Amino acid sequence: MYKLISLMAVAVFCSYSSTKVNSMKALENALTVEEKNDGWVTLFDGKTTNGWHSYGTDKVGSDWKVTDGAITLEPVKEGEKKDGGDLVTNNEYSNFDFKVDWKISPKGNSGIIFYIHEDSSLYHETYNTGLEMQVLDNGTATRLGHPDGKLYTHRAGDLYDLLASKEVVHPQGEWNHVEIISLNGKLDFYMNGMHTLSTHLWDGNWKEMIAISKFKDMKNFGTFKQGKISLQDHGNQVWYKNIMIKKL
């Protein structure tokens, strides 16, 4: 009788575990009840680009598609007209917790840019004002990736051209889960469950970092405390899904 009860308990547990795993898969590009109650909002419904637009316009460029539950940039072929641009949220954020999964093409380059002040008459690119978490195919010891993979502070997960992060990126072609938390000037990056980078924005040290970076001559770069978030069009195919944010 004891063995029978034990076997029944195992069967129930296995059934529960299977249901839990299946329910987690079913919730891709959606929020759990717990996440909703905690204040999270989804920025991608898995089907459309509602809530986004290409920088400096009022529409989404046609190079951005939704395929297999992911927002993807499909680069144009030689001779074709480019119609992409960095994809930007309609809303602005100040203190926030932002999560997204990304996957990059071979030798690909993209980025997650935030605190963007969208005034295309003054700032022609998102990176003229916004900070970037790098999205990149770093390559490996036996396979060349994007050339930026050889540069300090230009590798996947880095605060681009400012600070290097811990090396926890998954191999090219695999999904990476990243998180950006910005609260009252304290900035933290996470990748694949690891805390990879931390710094403070807008203080004296921050200004010194900018002064020795490629952004030193970009007026007002890294100064805005509220702004939009962007998925970068760097001309290479990239995929984004499970995009969510919580205001802090």
Protein backbone atom coordinates (compact mmCIF):
# COMPACT_ATOMS: atom_id res chain seq x y z
CA MET A 1 0.00 0.00 0.00
CA TYR A 2 2.84 2.41 0.89
CA LYS A 3 4.55 1.74 -2.44
CA LEU A 4 1.27 2.31 -4.28
CA ILE A 5 0.75 5.67 -2.54
CA SER A 6 4.33 6.68 -3.32
CA LEU A 7 3.92 5.80 -6.98
CA MET A 8 0.69 7.77 -7.12
CA ALA A 9 2.41 10.77 -5.54
CA VAL A 10 5.22 10.59 -8.10
CA ALA A 11 2.69 10.41 -10.92
CA VAL A 12 0.85 13.46 -9.58
CA PHE A 13 4.12 15.36 -9.21
CA CYS A 14 5.22 14.47 -12.75
CA SER A 15 1.84 15.52 -14.07
CA TYR A 16 2.07 18.82 -12.18
CA SER A 17 5.62 19.43 -13.42
CA SER A 18 4.61 18.75 -17.01
CA THR A 19 1.63 21.10 -16.69
CA LYS A 20 3.84 23.78 -15.18
CA VAL A 21 6.39 23.50 -18.00
CA ASN A 22 3.68 23.55 -20.64
CA SER A 23 2.01 26.56 -19.05
CA MET A 24 5.34 28.41 -19.02
CA LYS A 25 5.75 27.75 -22.75
CA ALA A 26 2.20 28.88 -23.39
CA LEU A 27 2.98 32.16 -21.65
CA GLU A 28 5.69 33.21 -24.11
CA ASN A 29 5.22 36.91 -25.00
CA ALA A 30 2.61 37.11 -22.25
CA LEU A 31 2.61 37.84 -18.54
CA THR A 32 1.79 35.55 -15.68
CA VAL A 33 -0.79 36.61 -13.10
CA GLU A 34 2.06 37.17 -10.65
CA GLU A 35 3.90 39.44 -13.10
CA LYS A 36 0.77 41.47 -13.79
CA ASN A 37 0.12 41.87 -10.08
CA ASP A 38 3.74 42.96 -9.63
CA GLY A 39 3.31 45.81 -12.12
CA TRP A 40 4.87 44.32 -15.25
CA VAL A 41 3.57 45.41 -18.66
CA THR A 42 4.28 43.57 -21.91
CA LEU A 43 5.77 45.61 -24.77
CA PHE A 44 5.25 42.91 -27.40
CA ASP A 45 2.13 40.80 -27.92
CA GLY A 46 3.89 38.22 -30.06
CA LYS A 47 1.91 39.16 -33.17
CA THR A 48 2.25 42.87 -33.92
CA THR A 49 4.59 45.82 -33.44
CA ASN A 50 1.89 47.82 -31.66
CA GLY A 51 3.45 50.29 -29.23
CA TRP A 52 6.57 50.81 -31.36
CA HIS A 53 7.68 53.02 -34.27
CA SER A 54 10.85 53.64 -36.24
CA TYR A 55 12.91 56.49 -34.80
CA GLY A 56 11.88 59.91 -36.09
CA THR A 57 8.73 58.61 -37.82
CA ASP A 58 5.18 57.71 -36.88
CA LYS A 59 5.28 54.16 -38.29
CA VAL A 60 7.28 50.95 -38.17
CA GLY A 61 9.68 50.47 -41.07
CA SER A 62 8.83 47.52 -43.32
CA ASP A 63 12.18 45.81 -42.64
CA TRP A 64 10.89 45.01 -39.15
CA LYS A 65 8.70 41.87 -39.16
CA VAL A 66 7.02 39.64 -36.62
CA THR A 67 8.01 36.03 -37.33
CA ASP A 68 7.45 32.95 -35.17
CA GLY A 69 6.62 35.02 -32.11
CA ALA A 70 9.61 37.37 -32.37
CA ILE A 71 10.24 40.87 -33.66
CA THR A 72 12.94 40.49 -36.28
CA LEU A 73 14.86 42.84 -38.52
CA GLU A 74 15.10 41.38 -42.01
CA PRO A 75 17.98 43.17 -43.76
CA VAL A 76 17.42 44.27 -47.32
CA LYS A 77 19.34 42.71 -50.19
CA GLU A 78 21.83 44.65 -52.25
CA GLY A 79 20.04 47.09 -54.52
CA GLU A 80 16.84 47.09 -52.47
CA LYS A 81 15.58 50.16 -50.63
CA LYS A 82 16.18 50.11 -46.89
CA ASP A 83 13.14 50.78 -44.71
CA GLY A 84 14.00 49.95 -41.14
CA GLY A 85 15.49 52.35 -38.62
CA ASP A 86 15.83 51.75 -34.90
CA LEU A 87 12.56 50.50 -33.43
CA VAL A 88 11.50 52.78 -30.56
CA THR A 89 8.83 52.54 -27.86
CA ASN A 90 5.98 55.00 -28.07
CA ASN A 91 6.29 55.69 -24.35
CA GLU A 92 9.12 57.11 -22.25
CA TYR A 93 10.50 55.63 -19.03
CA SER A 94 12.56 56.98 -16.14
CA ASN A 95 13.07 54.41 -13.35
CA PHE A 96 12.41 50.98 -14.81
CA ASP A 97 13.09 47.25 -14.92
CA PHE A 98 13.25 46.03 -18.54
CA LYS A 99 13.50 42.42 -19.75
CA VAL A 100 13.90 40.93 -23.21
CA ASP A 101 15.18 37.80 -24.95
CA TRP A 102 17.43 38.24 -27.99
CA LYS A 103 19.09 36.10 -30.63
CA ILE A 104 21.56 37.33 -33.25
CA SER A 105 22.52 36.17 -36.75
CA PRO A 106 26.08 35.06 -37.65
CA LYS A 107 28.47 38.02 -37.35
CA GLY A 108 25.44 40.13 -36.41
CA ASN A 109 25.27 43.37 -34.48
CA SER A 110 22.35 45.14 -32.79
CA GLY A 111 21.64 46.75 -29.44
CA ILE A 112 19.13 47.73 -26.79
CA ILE A 113 19.28 51.51 -26.41
CA PHE A 114 17.55 53.39 -23.59
CA TYR A 115 17.05 56.91 -22.23
CA ILE A 116 16.58 58.11 -25.81
CA HIS A 117 15.42 61.68 -26.26
CA GLU A 118 13.51 61.46 -29.53
CA ASP A 119 14.01 64.74 -31.33
CA SER A 120 15.28 63.77 -34.77
CA SER A 121 15.78 67.42 -35.75
CA LEU A 122 18.50 67.68 -33.08
CA TYR A 123 19.57 64.06 -32.70
CA HIS A 124 19.67 62.05 -35.92
CA GLU A 125 20.28 58.67 -34.25
CA THR A 126 19.03 56.96 -31.09
CA TYR A 127 22.61 56.58 -29.86
CA ASN A 128 23.15 60.34 -29.94
CA THR A 129 21.37 60.48 -26.59
CA GLY A 130 20.68 56.91 -25.46
CA LEU A 131 22.85 54.31 -23.72
CA GLU A 132 23.31 50.89 -25.28
CA MET A 133 23.47 47.33 -24.03
CA GLN A 134 25.36 45.64 -26.85
CA VAL A 135 23.76 42.76 -28.78
CA LEU A 136 26.45 40.94 -30.76
CA ASP A 137 27.82 37.70 -32.16
CA ASN A 138 31.10 37.72 -30.23
CA GLY A 139 32.46 34.75 -32.14
CA THR A 140 34.57 32.01 -30.56
CA ALA A 141 38.15 30.81 -30.58
CA THR A 142 37.39 28.74 -33.68
CA ARG A 143 34.84 30.98 -35.45
CA LEU A 144 34.94 34.66 -36.32
CA GLY A 145 32.02 36.76 -35.14
CA HIS A 146 31.36 40.45 -35.63
CA PRO A 147 34.58 42.55 -35.58
CA ASP A 148 33.33 44.36 -32.45
CA GLY A 149 33.70 41.05 -30.61
CA LYS A 150 37.45 41.75 -30.42
CA LEU A 151 36.97 45.14 -28.76
CA TYR A 152 36.78 45.81 -25.02
CA THR A 153 33.37 47.31 -24.05
CA HIS A 154 31.94 46.40 -27.49
CA ARG A 155 31.02 42.76 -26.74
CA ALA A 156 27.60 41.30 -26.08
CA GLY A 157 26.10 42.59 -22.84
CA ASP A 158 28.53 45.50 -22.48
CA LEU A 159 27.45 49.08 -21.81
CA TYR A 160 28.66 49.99 -25.26
CA ASP A 161 31.99 51.85 -25.37
CA LEU A 162 31.72 52.64 -21.67
CA LEU A 163 31.90 49.52 -19.48
CA ALA A 164 32.60 45.83 -20.05
CA SER A 165 30.34 43.17 -18.56
CA LYS A 166 30.87 39.60 -17.37
CA GLU A 167 31.10 37.08 -20.21
CA VAL A 168 27.96 34.93 -19.91
CA VAL A 169 26.49 35.22 -23.42
CA HIS A 170 25.18 32.07 -25.08
CA PRO A 171 26.67 30.96 -28.41
CA GLN A 172 25.45 32.64 -31.60
CA GLY A 173 22.05 31.35 -32.68
CA GLU A 174 20.86 30.72 -29.11
CA TRP A 175 18.53 32.93 -27.09
CA ASN A 176 19.87 35.22 -24.37
CA HIS A 177 17.71 36.62 -21.59
CA VAL A 178 18.78 40.10 -20.46
CA GLU A 179 17.53 42.60 -17.91
CA ILE A 180 18.26 46.31 -17.47
CA ILE A 181 17.39 47.94 -14.15
CA SER A 182 17.76 51.69 -13.73
CA LEU A 183 16.71 53.23 -10.43
CA ASN A 184 17.60 56.74 -9.31
CA GLY A 185 20.85 56.69 -11.27
CA LYS A 186 21.98 53.18 -10.33
CA LEU A 187 22.25 51.02 -13.44
CA ASP A 188 22.48 47.22 -13.37
CA PHE A 189 22.73 44.72 -16.24
CA TYR A 190 21.83 41.04 -16.05
CA MET A 191 22.29 38.30 -18.63
CA ASN A 192 21.15 34.69 -18.48
CA GLY A 193 20.53 34.90 -14.74
CA MET A 194 23.86 36.55 -13.86
CA HIS A 195 24.50 40.08 -12.62
CA THR A 196 27.01 41.31 -15.19
CA LEU A 197 27.50 45.07 -14.74
CA SER A 198 26.77 47.92 -12.33
CA THR A 199 27.45 51.66 -12.43
CA HIS A 200 25.99 55.03 -11.50
CA LEU A 201 24.68 57.49 -14.04
CA TRP A 202 24.92 61.28 -14.20
CA ASP A 203 27.55 61.80 -11.49
CA GLY A 204 31.12 63.05 -11.90
CA ASN A 205 32.54 59.62 -12.68
CA TRP A 206 29.87 59.12 -15.35
CA LYS A 207 30.86 62.37 -17.04
CA GLU A 208 34.52 61.33 -16.97
CA MET A 209 33.64 58.00 -18.61
CA ILE A 210 31.81 59.78 -21.42
CA ALA A 211 34.70 62.22 -21.88
CA ILE A 212 37.03 59.37 -22.95
CA SER A 213 34.46 57.51 -25.05
CA LYS A 214 33.35 57.79 -28.68
CA PHE A 215 30.38 59.80 -27.41
CA LYS A 216 32.46 62.67 -26.03
CA ASP A 217 31.48 65.05 -28.84
CA MET A 218 27.78 64.16 -28.81
CA LYS A 219 26.07 66.98 -26.96
CA ASN A 220 23.70 65.72 -24.24
CA PHE A 221 24.64 62.05 -24.68
CA GLY A 222 23.83 60.12 -21.51
CA THR A 223 22.26 63.11 -19.77
CA PHE A 224 18.53 62.41 -20.06
CA LYS A 225 16.84 60.84 -17.04
CA GLN A 226 13.72 59.87 -18.96
CA GLY A 227 13.45 58.51 -22.46
CA LYS A 228 12.42 55.83 -24.90
CA ILE A 229 13.80 52.34 -25.41
CA SER A 230 14.98 51.07 -28.78
CA LEU A 231 15.84 47.84 -30.59
CA GLN A 232 18.64 48.80 -32.95
CA ASP A 233 18.72 48.38 -36.72
CA HIS A 234 22.41 47.75 -37.39
CA GLY A 235 21.73 46.12 -40.75
CA ASN A 236 21.96 42.53 -39.46
CA GLN A 237 19.18 40.09 -38.71
CA VAL A 238 18.23 39.95 -35.04
CA TRP A 239 15.29 38.56 -33.08
CA TYR A 240 13.60 39.90 -29.92
CA LYS A 241 10.79 38.39 -27.83
CA ASN A 242 9.34 38.32 -24.30
CA ILE A 243 9.72 42.09 -24.03
CA MET A 244 8.36 43.53 -20.76
CA ILE A 245 8.86 46.47 -18.45
CA LYS A 246 7.98 47.55 -14.94
CA LYS A 247 8.09 51.14 -13.76
CA LEU A 248 10.00 51.52 -10.49
